[in-house]
Structures are given as structure tokens and as C-alpha cells.
Amino acid sequence: MQPFSFLLGLGSLAGLLLAGWRAPKKEAIRYVDAAVFAMFLTLISSRAGFVAVNWGYFASHLSESLLVWEEGCPALAH
């Protein structure tokens, strides 16, 4: 596991816990739901931006553009 991935996951968990802890008690679940939705949108939009920047590769490998768990694209691997 990459240290950046671990720290990013740890920060996301801390953000979710903070959202639930700081929210008004009656609305805590709504705050956590909003935080999860924001994380999902961030994941999708960051992958879309990566695909747009590297469109030269993804134009011929369109199915790989949906693989958010992949680390980038093989053409950029060193």
C-alpha cells in the first residue's frame, strides 16, 4: 500500500467522523450522508479530470477510463 493512499483514507475517515461528531444530533446521519456523497463526487470528478488530461491514451482505451481503482494508465507507468 502506498503511504499517500493510506493517509488519504485516514483523512477521509477522520473527516467522516468529524462530520458525524460536529453535526447536530438529530441530523448527524444527514451530515455523514452528505460527506460520503461529497467523497463519491470527488472520486468521480478526479478520475474524469485524469482521463481528460490523458485523453491521448484513453481515446483508444475507453473501457479503462472507468477503472477508478487502477493507478493511472499503463502508458504513463515508468
N, C-alpha and C. Protein backbone atom coordinates (compact mmCIF):
# COMPACT_ATOMS: atom_id res chain seq x y z
N MET A 1 0.85 -1.18 0.00
CA MET A 1 0.00 0.00 0.00
C MET A 1 0.90 1.24 0.00
N GLN A 2 0.52 2.19 -0.80
CA GLN A 2 1.26 3.45 -0.88
C GLN A 2 0.96 4.32 0.34
N PRO A 3 1.95 5.02 0.87
CA PRO A 3 1.70 5.90 2.02
C PRO A 3 0.66 6.98 1.73
N PHE A 4 0.67 7.52 0.51
CA PHE A 4 -0.30 8.55 0.16
C PHE A 4 -1.72 8.00 0.23
N SER A 5 -1.93 6.79 -0.28
CA SER A 5 -3.27 6.18 -0.25
C SER A 5 -3.72 5.94 1.18
N PHE A 6 -2.80 5.49 2.02
CA PHE A 6 -3.14 5.26 3.42
C PHE A 6 -3.52 6.57 4.11
N LEU A 7 -2.72 7.61 3.90
CA LEU A 7 -3.01 8.90 4.53
C LEU A 7 -4.29 9.52 4.00
N LEU A 8 -4.55 9.34 2.72
CA LEU A 8 -5.79 9.85 2.14
C LEU A 8 -7.01 9.15 2.75
N GLY A 9 -6.93 7.83 2.90
CA GLY A 9 -8.01 7.09 3.53
C GLY A 9 -8.19 7.48 4.99
N LEU A 10 -7.08 7.68 5.69
CA LEU A 10 -7.14 8.10 7.09
C LEU A 10 -7.77 9.48 7.22
N GLY A 11 -7.42 10.38 6.31
CA GLY A 11 -8.02 11.72 6.32
C GLY A 11 -9.50 11.69 6.00
N SER A 12 -9.89 10.81 5.08
CA SER A 12 -11.31 10.67 4.76
C SER A 12 -12.10 10.13 5.94
N LEU A 13 -11.54 9.14 6.60
CA LEU A 13 -12.19 8.60 7.80
C LEU A 13 -12.31 9.66 8.88
N ALA A 14 -11.25 10.43 9.08
CA ALA A 14 -11.29 11.50 10.08
C ALA A 14 -12.35 12.54 9.72
N GLY A 15 -12.47 12.86 8.45
CA GLY A 15 -13.48 13.82 8.01
C GLY A 15 -14.90 13.31 8.25
N LEU A 16 -15.12 12.03 7.97
CA LEU A 16 -16.44 11.45 8.22
C LEU A 16 -16.77 11.44 9.72
N LEU A 17 -15.79 11.06 10.52
CA LEU A 17 -16.02 11.06 11.96
C LEU A 17 -16.27 12.47 12.49
N LEU A 18 -15.54 13.42 11.98
CA LEU A 18 -15.73 14.81 12.39
C LEU A 18 -17.09 15.33 11.96
N ALA A 19 -17.52 14.97 10.76
CA ALA A 19 -18.84 15.40 10.28
C ALA A 19 -19.94 14.84 11.18
N GLY A 20 -19.82 13.59 11.57
CA GLY A 20 -20.82 12.99 12.45
C GLY A 20 -20.77 13.54 13.87
N TRP A 21 -19.59 13.87 14.33
CA TRP A 21 -19.42 14.35 15.70
C TRP A 21 -19.87 15.80 15.86
N ARG A 22 -19.57 16.65 14.87
CA ARG A 22 -19.88 18.07 14.97
C ARG A 22 -21.31 18.42 14.53
N ALA A 23 -21.98 17.48 13.90
CA ALA A 23 -23.34 17.74 13.42
C ALA A 23 -24.32 17.77 14.59
N PRO A 24 -25.42 18.51 14.43
CA PRO A 24 -26.49 18.44 15.43
C PRO A 24 -26.96 16.98 15.55
N LYS A 25 -27.23 16.55 16.74
CA LYS A 25 -27.53 15.13 16.99
C LYS A 25 -28.67 14.58 16.14
N LYS A 26 -29.70 15.38 15.92
CA LYS A 26 -30.84 14.90 15.13
C LYS A 26 -30.52 14.79 13.64
N GLU A 27 -29.49 15.47 13.19
CA GLU A 27 -29.16 15.49 11.76
C GLU A 27 -27.81 14.85 11.45
N ALA A 28 -27.24 14.13 12.39
CA ALA A 28 -25.90 13.56 12.19
C ALA A 28 -25.84 12.65 10.98
N ILE A 29 -26.84 11.81 10.79
CA ILE A 29 -26.82 10.89 9.66
C ILE A 29 -26.88 11.63 8.32
N ARG A 30 -27.60 12.73 8.29
CA ARG A 30 -27.66 13.53 7.06
C ARG A 30 -26.31 14.16 6.74
N TYR A 31 -25.60 14.60 7.76
CA TYR A 31 -24.27 15.18 7.56
C TYR A 31 -23.29 14.12 7.06
N VAL A 32 -23.34 12.94 7.65
CA VAL A 32 -22.45 11.86 7.22
C VAL A 32 -22.80 11.43 5.80
N ASP A 33 -24.09 11.34 5.48
CA ASP A 33 -24.50 11.01 4.11
C ASP A 33 -23.98 12.04 3.12
N ALA A 34 -24.06 13.31 3.48
CA ALA A 34 -23.56 14.37 2.60
C ALA A 34 -22.04 14.26 2.43
N ALA A 35 -21.34 13.91 3.49
CA ALA A 35 -19.88 13.75 3.40
C ALA A 35 -19.51 12.57 2.51
N VAL A 36 -20.23 11.47 2.62
CA VAL A 36 -19.97 10.30 1.76
C VAL A 36 -20.27 10.66 0.31
N PHE A 37 -21.36 11.35 0.08
CA PHE A 37 -21.71 11.78 -1.28
C PHE A 37 -20.63 12.71 -1.85
N ALA A 38 -20.12 13.61 -1.03
CA ALA A 38 -19.05 14.52 -1.49
C ALA A 38 -17.79 13.74 -1.83
N MET A 39 -17.47 12.73 -1.04
CA MET A 39 -16.29 11.90 -1.34
C MET A 39 -16.49 11.13 -2.65
N PHE A 40 -17.70 10.62 -2.88
CA PHE A 40 -18.00 9.92 -4.12
C PHE A 40 -17.85 10.86 -5.32
N LEU A 41 -18.41 12.07 -5.22
CA LEU A 41 -18.28 13.03 -6.31
C LEU A 41 -16.83 13.42 -6.55
N THR A 42 -16.04 13.52 -5.49
CA THR A 42 -14.63 13.83 -5.63
C THR A 42 -13.90 12.73 -6.37
N LEU A 43 -14.19 11.48 -6.05
CA LEU A 43 -13.57 10.35 -6.73
C LEU A 43 -13.91 10.35 -8.21
N ILE A 44 -15.17 10.53 -8.53
CA ILE A 44 -15.61 10.51 -9.93
C ILE A 44 -15.03 11.70 -10.71
N SER A 45 -15.08 12.89 -10.13
CA SER A 45 -14.58 14.07 -10.85
C SER A 45 -13.07 14.05 -10.99
N SER A 46 -12.35 13.51 -10.02
CA SER A 46 -10.89 13.44 -10.16
C SER A 46 -10.51 12.44 -11.24
N ARG A 47 -11.22 11.34 -11.34
CA ARG A 47 -10.94 10.38 -12.41
C ARG A 47 -11.29 10.98 -13.77
N ALA A 48 -12.40 11.71 -13.84
CA ALA A 48 -12.77 12.36 -15.10
C ALA A 48 -11.71 13.38 -15.52
N GLY A 49 -11.18 14.11 -14.57
CA GLY A 49 -10.11 15.06 -14.88
C GLY A 49 -8.86 14.36 -15.34
N PHE A 50 -8.51 13.25 -14.71
CA PHE A 50 -7.33 12.48 -15.12
C PHE A 50 -7.49 11.94 -16.53
N VAL A 51 -8.68 11.43 -16.82
CA VAL A 51 -8.96 10.92 -18.17
C VAL A 51 -8.88 12.05 -19.19
N ALA A 52 -9.41 13.21 -18.86
CA ALA A 52 -9.38 14.35 -19.78
C ALA A 52 -7.94 14.80 -20.06
N VAL A 53 -7.12 14.85 -19.03
CA VAL A 53 -5.72 15.26 -19.21
C VAL A 53 -4.95 14.24 -20.04
N ASN A 54 -5.26 12.97 -19.89
CA ASN A 54 -4.56 11.90 -20.60
C ASN A 54 -5.43 11.30 -21.70
N TRP A 55 -6.19 12.14 -22.38
CA TRP A 55 -7.13 11.67 -23.38
C TRP A 55 -6.44 10.95 -24.53
N GLY A 56 -5.20 11.28 -24.81
CA GLY A 56 -4.46 10.60 -25.88
C GLY A 56 -4.42 9.09 -25.68
N TYR A 57 -4.26 8.67 -24.45
CA TYR A 57 -4.25 7.24 -24.14
C TYR A 57 -5.67 6.69 -24.05
N PHE A 58 -6.54 7.38 -23.33
CA PHE A 58 -7.87 6.85 -23.06
C PHE A 58 -8.79 6.89 -24.28
N ALA A 59 -8.45 7.65 -25.32
CA ALA A 59 -9.27 7.66 -26.53
C ALA A 59 -9.30 6.27 -27.17
N SER A 60 -8.18 5.56 -27.07
CA SER A 60 -8.14 4.21 -27.65
C SER A 60 -8.36 3.12 -26.59
N HIS A 61 -8.46 3.48 -25.33
CA HIS A 61 -8.70 2.52 -24.24
C HIS A 61 -9.85 3.03 -23.36
N LEU A 62 -10.97 3.29 -23.99
CA LEU A 62 -12.09 3.92 -23.30
C LEU A 62 -12.60 3.12 -22.11
N SER A 63 -12.59 1.80 -22.20
CA SER A 63 -13.10 0.99 -21.09
C SER A 63 -12.26 1.16 -19.82
N GLU A 64 -10.99 1.50 -19.97
CA GLU A 64 -10.12 1.69 -18.81
C GLU A 64 -10.39 3.01 -18.09
N SER A 65 -11.12 3.91 -18.71
CA SER A 65 -11.39 5.19 -18.07
C SER A 65 -12.31 5.06 -16.86
N LEU A 66 -13.04 3.97 -16.77
CA LEU A 66 -13.96 3.75 -15.64
C LEU A 66 -13.31 3.02 -14.48
N LEU A 67 -12.09 2.57 -14.64
CA LEU A 67 -11.42 1.78 -13.61
C LEU A 67 -10.76 2.71 -12.59
N VAL A 68 -11.57 3.22 -11.67
CA VAL A 68 -11.07 4.19 -10.70
C VAL A 68 -10.08 3.59 -9.72
N TRP A 69 -10.08 2.27 -9.56
CA TRP A 69 -9.17 1.61 -8.63
C TRP A 69 -7.79 1.40 -9.25
N GLU A 70 -7.67 1.59 -10.56
CA GLU A 70 -6.37 1.48 -11.21
C GLU A 70 -5.54 2.72 -10.91
N GLU A 71 -4.25 2.55 -10.89
CA GLU A 71 -3.34 3.67 -10.64
C GLU A 71 -2.96 4.34 -11.95
N GLY A 72 -3.79 5.22 -12.43
CA GLY A 72 -3.46 5.94 -13.66
C GLY A 72 -3.74 5.14 -14.89
N CYS A 73 -2.79 5.15 -15.83
CA CYS A 73 -2.92 4.37 -17.04
C CYS A 73 -1.57 3.75 -17.36
N PRO A 74 -1.57 2.57 -17.99
CA PRO A 74 -0.31 1.86 -18.26
C PRO A 74 0.67 2.66 -19.10
N ALA A 75 0.19 3.52 -19.97
CA ALA A 75 1.09 4.28 -20.84
C ALA A 75 1.97 5.25 -20.04
N LEU A 76 1.54 5.63 -18.85
CA LEU A 76 2.31 6.56 -18.03
C LEU A 76 3.20 5.86 -17.01
N ALA A 77 3.11 4.52 -16.94
CA ALA A 77 3.93 3.78 -15.97
C ALA A 77 5.40 3.86 -16.37
N HIS A 78 6.23 3.96 -15.38
CA HIS A 78 7.68 4.06 -15.65
C HIS A 78 8.35 2.76 -15.37
